[in-house]
Amino acid sequence: MDRPGAHSILILEDEPLIALDLEQIVAEAGFVAVSTFTTRQNAKIWLTAQSPDFALIDIFLEDDRCSDVALALKERGVLFIACSASAKRDAEDIFRTGYGMAIKTVLAERRNRSAA
């Protein structure tokens, strides 16, 4: 069986505290190959030379929706979870084709429990 740390994870998140929280969650799970970006443009540049094993993506980044990045991940067969403050009904279909959707309030609740 592969070690979790051998897998690469792509995180797309424009809010620094949430990005740090996601990085911590991934690290606690034993993954070490983490690439985090706040813009779809930087993610697209990274994807020209890399391909993650899994991705956690926010629907809205600093430079607009990242539908094109989600589509590129889907075309490569990369599983992803959309992490967003947007309601599922507001998400484009491409975000529903991933592994699932997590609402950011779940992450905020986890952060509050950790701080207590």
N, C-alpha and C. Protein backbone atom coordinates (compact mmCIF):
# COMPACT_ATOMS: atom_id res chain seq x y z
N MET A 1 0.84 -1.19 0.00
CA MET A 1 0.00 0.00 0.00
C MET A 1 0.88 1.25 0.00
N ASP A 2 0.50 2.24 -0.79
CA ASP A 2 1.25 3.49 -0.86
C ASP A 2 1.11 4.27 0.43
N ARG A 3 2.18 4.98 0.78
CA ARG A 3 2.11 5.90 1.91
C ARG A 3 1.34 7.14 1.47
N PRO A 4 0.49 7.71 2.35
CA PRO A 4 -0.23 8.92 1.97
C PRO A 4 0.71 10.04 1.54
N GLY A 5 1.87 10.19 2.16
CA GLY A 5 2.80 11.26 1.83
C GLY A 5 3.34 11.19 0.42
N ALA A 6 3.18 10.04 -0.24
CA ALA A 6 3.67 9.89 -1.60
C ALA A 6 2.73 10.54 -2.61
N HIS A 7 1.57 10.98 -2.15
CA HIS A 7 0.58 11.57 -3.06
C HIS A 7 0.66 13.09 -3.04
N SER A 8 0.42 13.68 -4.21
CA SER A 8 0.44 15.14 -4.28
C SER A 8 -0.98 15.68 -4.20
N ILE A 9 -1.11 16.77 -3.47
CA ILE A 9 -2.40 17.41 -3.24
C ILE A 9 -2.33 18.84 -3.75
N LEU A 10 -3.34 19.24 -4.52
CA LEU A 10 -3.45 20.61 -4.99
C LEU A 10 -4.55 21.29 -4.17
N ILE A 11 -4.23 22.44 -3.58
CA ILE A 11 -5.22 23.22 -2.84
C ILE A 11 -5.39 24.56 -3.54
N LEU A 12 -6.62 24.87 -3.91
CA LEU A 12 -6.95 26.17 -4.51
C LEU A 12 -7.86 26.90 -3.53
N GLU A 13 -7.34 27.96 -2.92
CA GLU A 13 -8.09 28.69 -1.90
C GLU A 13 -7.58 30.12 -1.84
N ASP A 14 -8.51 31.08 -1.87
CA ASP A 14 -8.10 32.48 -1.85
C ASP A 14 -8.11 33.10 -0.45
N GLU A 15 -8.62 32.41 0.54
CA GLU A 15 -8.63 32.94 1.91
C GLU A 15 -7.48 32.31 2.69
N PRO A 16 -6.50 33.12 3.12
CA PRO A 16 -5.29 32.58 3.75
C PRO A 16 -5.53 31.67 4.95
N LEU A 17 -6.45 32.04 5.85
CA LEU A 17 -6.69 31.20 7.03
C LEU A 17 -7.28 29.85 6.66
N ILE A 18 -8.15 29.85 5.68
CA ILE A 18 -8.74 28.57 5.25
C ILE A 18 -7.68 27.74 4.53
N ALA A 19 -6.84 28.39 3.73
CA ALA A 19 -5.76 27.67 3.05
C ALA A 19 -4.84 27.01 4.08
N LEU A 20 -4.48 27.76 5.12
CA LEU A 20 -3.63 27.19 6.17
C LEU A 20 -4.32 26.03 6.88
N ASP A 21 -5.62 26.17 7.12
CA ASP A 21 -6.38 25.10 7.76
C ASP A 21 -6.40 23.85 6.89
N LEU A 22 -6.63 24.03 5.60
CA LEU A 22 -6.62 22.88 4.69
C LEU A 22 -5.25 22.23 4.64
N GLU A 23 -4.20 23.04 4.61
CA GLU A 23 -2.84 22.49 4.61
C GLU A 23 -2.59 21.68 5.89
N GLN A 24 -3.10 22.17 7.02
CA GLN A 24 -2.93 21.45 8.28
C GLN A 24 -3.70 20.13 8.26
N ILE A 25 -4.91 20.15 7.76
CA ILE A 25 -5.71 18.92 7.66
C ILE A 25 -4.98 17.89 6.82
N VAL A 26 -4.45 18.32 5.69
CA VAL A 26 -3.73 17.42 4.79
C VAL A 26 -2.46 16.89 5.47
N ALA A 27 -1.74 17.77 6.16
CA ALA A 27 -0.52 17.34 6.86
C ALA A 27 -0.85 16.34 7.97
N GLU A 28 -1.93 16.59 8.72
CA GLU A 28 -2.33 15.67 9.78
C GLU A 28 -2.71 14.30 9.22
N ALA A 29 -3.16 14.28 7.99
CA ALA A 29 -3.50 13.01 7.34
C ALA A 29 -2.27 12.29 6.80
N GLY A 30 -1.09 12.96 6.89
CA GLY A 30 0.16 12.33 6.48
C GLY A 30 0.63 12.67 5.09
N PHE A 31 -0.06 13.56 4.41
CA PHE A 31 0.36 13.95 3.07
C PHE A 31 1.40 15.07 3.16
N VAL A 32 2.43 14.99 2.34
CA VAL A 32 3.48 16.00 2.40
C VAL A 32 3.65 16.80 1.11
N ALA A 33 3.20 16.30 -0.01
CA ALA A 33 3.35 16.99 -1.29
C ALA A 33 2.12 17.87 -1.51
N VAL A 34 2.21 19.12 -1.03
CA VAL A 34 1.08 20.04 -1.10
C VAL A 34 1.46 21.27 -1.92
N SER A 35 0.62 21.63 -2.88
CA SER A 35 0.80 22.86 -3.66
C SER A 35 -0.46 23.69 -3.49
N THR A 36 -0.30 24.93 -3.01
CA THR A 36 -1.44 25.80 -2.74
C THR A 36 -1.36 27.05 -3.59
N PHE A 37 -2.49 27.41 -4.20
CA PHE A 37 -2.56 28.60 -5.05
C PHE A 37 -3.81 29.39 -4.74
N THR A 38 -3.72 30.72 -4.90
CA THR A 38 -4.86 31.61 -4.65
C THR A 38 -5.53 32.09 -5.93
N THR A 39 -4.91 31.80 -7.08
CA THR A 39 -5.48 32.22 -8.37
C THR A 39 -5.54 31.03 -9.33
N ARG A 40 -6.53 31.10 -10.21
CA ARG A 40 -6.65 30.04 -11.22
C ARG A 40 -5.49 30.13 -12.20
N GLN A 41 -5.02 31.34 -12.47
CA GLN A 41 -3.91 31.50 -13.41
C GLN A 41 -2.66 30.77 -12.92
N ASN A 42 -2.32 30.93 -11.64
CA ASN A 42 -1.15 30.23 -11.10
C ASN A 42 -1.37 28.73 -11.08
N ALA A 43 -2.58 28.31 -10.79
CA ALA A 43 -2.89 26.87 -10.81
C ALA A 43 -2.74 26.31 -12.21
N LYS A 44 -3.22 27.05 -13.22
CA LYS A 44 -3.11 26.58 -14.60
C LYS A 44 -1.65 26.48 -15.04
N ILE A 45 -0.83 27.44 -14.61
CA ILE A 45 0.60 27.37 -14.93
C ILE A 45 1.21 26.13 -14.29
N TRP A 46 0.91 25.89 -13.02
CA TRP A 46 1.43 24.71 -12.31
C TRP A 46 0.98 23.43 -13.01
N LEU A 47 -0.26 23.40 -13.47
CA LEU A 47 -0.80 22.20 -14.12
C LEU A 47 -0.17 21.91 -15.48
N THR A 48 0.53 22.87 -16.07
CA THR A 48 1.20 22.58 -17.34
C THR A 48 2.35 21.59 -17.16
N ALA A 49 2.91 21.53 -15.94
CA ALA A 49 4.04 20.63 -15.70
C ALA A 49 3.76 19.58 -14.63
N GLN A 50 2.65 19.73 -13.90
CA GLN A 50 2.35 18.84 -12.79
C GLN A 50 0.93 18.29 -12.92
N SER A 51 0.68 17.22 -12.20
CA SER A 51 -0.68 16.70 -12.10
C SER A 51 -0.84 16.11 -10.71
N PRO A 52 -1.76 16.66 -9.92
CA PRO A 52 -1.92 16.16 -8.56
C PRO A 52 -2.67 14.84 -8.54
N ASP A 53 -2.56 14.15 -7.42
CA ASP A 53 -3.35 12.94 -7.23
C ASP A 53 -4.75 13.26 -6.74
N PHE A 54 -4.88 14.40 -6.09
CA PHE A 54 -6.15 14.81 -5.49
C PHE A 54 -6.13 16.33 -5.35
N ALA A 55 -7.31 16.96 -5.30
CA ALA A 55 -7.37 18.42 -5.15
C ALA A 55 -8.52 18.84 -4.25
N LEU A 56 -8.28 19.91 -3.51
CA LEU A 56 -9.30 20.60 -2.73
C LEU A 56 -9.41 21.98 -3.36
N ILE A 57 -10.58 22.31 -3.93
CA ILE A 57 -10.66 23.56 -4.67
C ILE A 57 -11.84 24.42 -4.22
N ASP A 58 -11.55 25.71 -4.09
CA ASP A 58 -12.59 26.70 -3.85
C ASP A 58 -13.17 27.05 -5.21
N ILE A 59 -14.44 27.33 -5.25
CA ILE A 59 -15.08 27.68 -6.53
C ILE A 59 -14.62 29.05 -7.00
N PHE A 60 -14.54 30.01 -6.07
CA PHE A 60 -14.13 31.37 -6.40
C PHE A 60 -12.73 31.63 -5.88
N LEU A 61 -11.83 32.01 -6.78
CA LEU A 61 -10.47 32.39 -6.39
C LEU A 61 -10.28 33.88 -6.61
N GLU A 62 -9.09 34.39 -6.38
CA GLU A 62 -8.84 35.82 -6.51
C GLU A 62 -9.13 36.35 -7.91
N ASP A 63 -8.98 35.51 -8.91
CA ASP A 63 -9.16 35.95 -10.30
C ASP A 63 -10.36 35.29 -10.98
N ASP A 64 -11.43 35.01 -10.25
CA ASP A 64 -12.69 34.51 -10.82
C ASP A 64 -12.93 33.04 -10.46
N ARG A 65 -14.00 32.51 -11.00
CA ARG A 65 -14.33 31.09 -10.79
C ARG A 65 -13.24 30.22 -11.41
N CYS A 66 -13.02 29.07 -10.80
CA CYS A 66 -11.98 28.20 -11.35
C CYS A 66 -12.58 26.98 -12.05
N SER A 67 -13.67 27.22 -12.77
CA SER A 67 -14.32 26.15 -13.52
C SER A 67 -13.38 25.49 -14.51
N ASP A 68 -12.53 26.30 -15.16
CA ASP A 68 -11.60 25.75 -16.14
C ASP A 68 -10.57 24.83 -15.49
N VAL A 69 -10.15 25.15 -14.27
CA VAL A 69 -9.21 24.28 -13.55
C VAL A 69 -9.92 22.99 -13.15
N ALA A 70 -11.15 23.10 -12.67
CA ALA A 70 -11.92 21.90 -12.30
C ALA A 70 -12.10 20.99 -13.52
N LEU A 71 -12.38 21.58 -14.68
CA LEU A 71 -12.53 20.80 -15.90
C LEU A 71 -11.23 20.11 -16.28
N ALA A 72 -10.11 20.83 -16.16
CA ALA A 72 -8.80 20.23 -16.47
C ALA A 72 -8.52 19.05 -15.53
N LEU A 73 -8.86 19.20 -14.25
CA LEU A 73 -8.65 18.10 -13.30
C LEU A 73 -9.52 16.91 -13.67
N LYS A 74 -10.78 17.18 -14.00
CA LYS A 74 -11.70 16.10 -14.38
C LYS A 74 -11.18 15.36 -15.62
N GLU A 75 -10.71 16.11 -16.61
CA GLU A 75 -10.20 15.50 -17.85
C GLU A 75 -8.99 14.62 -17.59
N ARG A 76 -8.22 14.93 -16.55
CA ARG A 76 -7.04 14.13 -16.18
C ARG A 76 -7.41 12.97 -15.25
N GLY A 77 -8.65 12.93 -14.83
CA GLY A 77 -9.08 11.87 -13.92
C GLY A 77 -8.69 12.14 -12.47
N VAL A 78 -8.43 13.41 -12.15
CA VAL A 78 -8.05 13.78 -10.78
C VAL A 78 -9.31 14.00 -9.95
N LEU A 79 -9.43 13.28 -8.86
CA LEU A 79 -10.54 13.49 -7.95
C LEU A 79 -10.36 14.80 -7.22
N PHE A 80 -11.46 15.52 -6.98
CA PHE A 80 -11.37 16.76 -6.23
C PHE A 80 -12.62 16.95 -5.39
N ILE A 81 -12.45 17.72 -4.33
CA ILE A 81 -13.57 18.16 -3.51
C ILE A 81 -13.64 19.67 -3.63
N ALA A 82 -14.82 20.17 -3.94
CA ALA A 82 -15.03 21.62 -3.99
C ALA A 82 -15.34 22.09 -2.57
N CYS A 83 -14.54 23.02 -2.06
CA CYS A 83 -14.73 23.60 -0.73
C CYS A 83 -15.17 25.04 -0.94
N SER A 84 -16.40 25.35 -0.60
CA SER A 84 -16.89 26.67 -0.92
C SER A 84 -17.90 27.16 0.10
N ALA A 85 -18.00 28.49 0.22
CA ALA A 85 -19.04 29.09 1.04
C ALA A 85 -20.34 29.16 0.24
N SER A 86 -20.27 28.93 -1.06
CA SER A 86 -21.45 28.95 -1.91
C SER A 86 -22.30 27.71 -1.66
N ALA A 87 -23.58 27.88 -1.80
CA ALA A 87 -24.48 26.74 -1.66
C ALA A 87 -24.29 25.81 -2.85
N LYS A 88 -24.54 24.54 -2.63
CA LYS A 88 -24.38 23.56 -3.71
C LYS A 88 -25.23 23.93 -4.92
N ARG A 89 -26.40 24.48 -4.67
CA ARG A 89 -27.28 24.82 -5.80
C ARG A 89 -26.71 25.93 -6.67
N ASP A 90 -25.77 26.74 -6.10
CA ASP A 90 -25.16 27.83 -6.86
C ASP A 90 -23.92 27.41 -7.63
N ALA A 91 -23.47 26.19 -7.39
CA ALA A 91 -22.24 25.71 -8.03
C ALA A 91 -22.53 25.24 -9.46
N GLU A 92 -21.58 25.49 -10.33
CA GLU A 92 -21.71 25.00 -11.70
C GLU A 92 -21.61 23.48 -11.69
N ASP A 93 -22.13 22.85 -12.72
CA ASP A 93 -22.15 21.39 -12.80
C ASP A 93 -20.76 20.77 -12.65
N ILE A 94 -19.74 21.41 -13.17
CA ILE A 94 -18.39 20.83 -13.11
C ILE A 94 -17.97 20.58 -11.66
N PHE A 95 -18.41 21.42 -10.74
CA PHE A 95 -18.02 21.25 -9.34
C PHE A 95 -18.77 20.09 -8.68
N ARG A 96 -19.87 19.70 -9.26
CA ARG A 96 -20.63 18.56 -8.74
C ARG A 96 -20.12 17.24 -9.28
N THR A 97 -19.18 17.28 -10.23
CA THR A 97 -18.66 16.05 -10.82
C THR A 97 -17.44 15.53 -10.07
N GLY A 98 -16.97 16.30 -9.12
CA GLY A 98 -15.82 15.87 -8.32
C GLY A 98 -16.23 14.82 -7.31
N TYR A 99 -15.44 14.67 -6.30
CA TYR A 99 -15.68 13.68 -5.27
C TYR A 99 -16.76 14.13 -4.30
N GLY A 100 -17.02 15.43 -4.25
CA GLY A 100 -18.04 15.96 -3.38
C GLY A 100 -17.85 17.44 -3.15
N MET A 101 -18.69 17.99 -2.29
CA MET A 101 -18.59 19.40 -1.94
C MET A 101 -18.59 19.53 -0.43
N ALA A 102 -17.72 20.39 0.09
CA ALA A 102 -17.68 20.71 1.51
C ALA A 102 -17.96 22.20 1.67
N ILE A 103 -18.85 22.52 2.56
CA ILE A 103 -19.18 23.92 2.81
C ILE A 103 -18.16 24.48 3.81
N LYS A 104 -17.66 25.68 3.55
CA LYS A 104 -16.60 26.25 4.38
C LYS A 104 -16.98 26.38 5.85
N THR A 105 -18.25 26.44 6.18
CA THR A 105 -18.61 26.53 7.60
C THR A 105 -18.14 25.30 8.35
N VAL A 106 -18.05 24.17 7.69
CA VAL A 106 -17.53 22.96 8.33
C VAL A 106 -16.07 23.17 8.72
N LEU A 107 -15.30 23.80 7.85
CA LEU A 107 -13.91 24.08 8.16
C LEU A 107 -13.79 25.10 9.29
N ALA A 108 -14.67 26.10 9.31
CA ALA A 108 -14.64 27.10 10.37
C ALA A 108 -14.96 26.46 11.72
N GLU A 109 -15.92 25.55 11.74
CA GLU A 109 -16.26 24.85 12.98
C GLU A 109 -15.06 24.04 13.47
N ARG A 110 -14.35 23.39 12.58
CA ARG A 110 -13.17 22.62 12.97
C ARG A 110 -12.11 23.53 13.57
N ARG A 111 -11.90 24.68 12.94
CA ARG A 111 -10.90 25.64 13.44
C ARG A 111 -11.30 26.14 14.82
N ASN A 112 -12.58 26.41 15.05
CA ASN A 112 -13.04 26.88 16.35
C ASN A 112 -12.85 25.81 17.42
N ARG A 113 -13.10 24.54 17.09
CA ARG A 113 -12.89 23.46 18.05
C ARG A 113 -11.42 23.33 18.39
N SER A 114 -10.54 23.50 17.41
CA SER A 114 -9.11 23.40 17.64
C SER A 114 -8.60 24.52 18.53
N ALA A 115 -9.19 25.69 18.40
CA ALA A 115 -8.75 26.84 19.18
C ALA A 115 -9.25 26.77 20.64
N ALA A 116 -10.30 26.01 20.86
CA ALA A 116 -10.89 25.93 22.22
C ALA A 116 -10.05 25.11 23.17
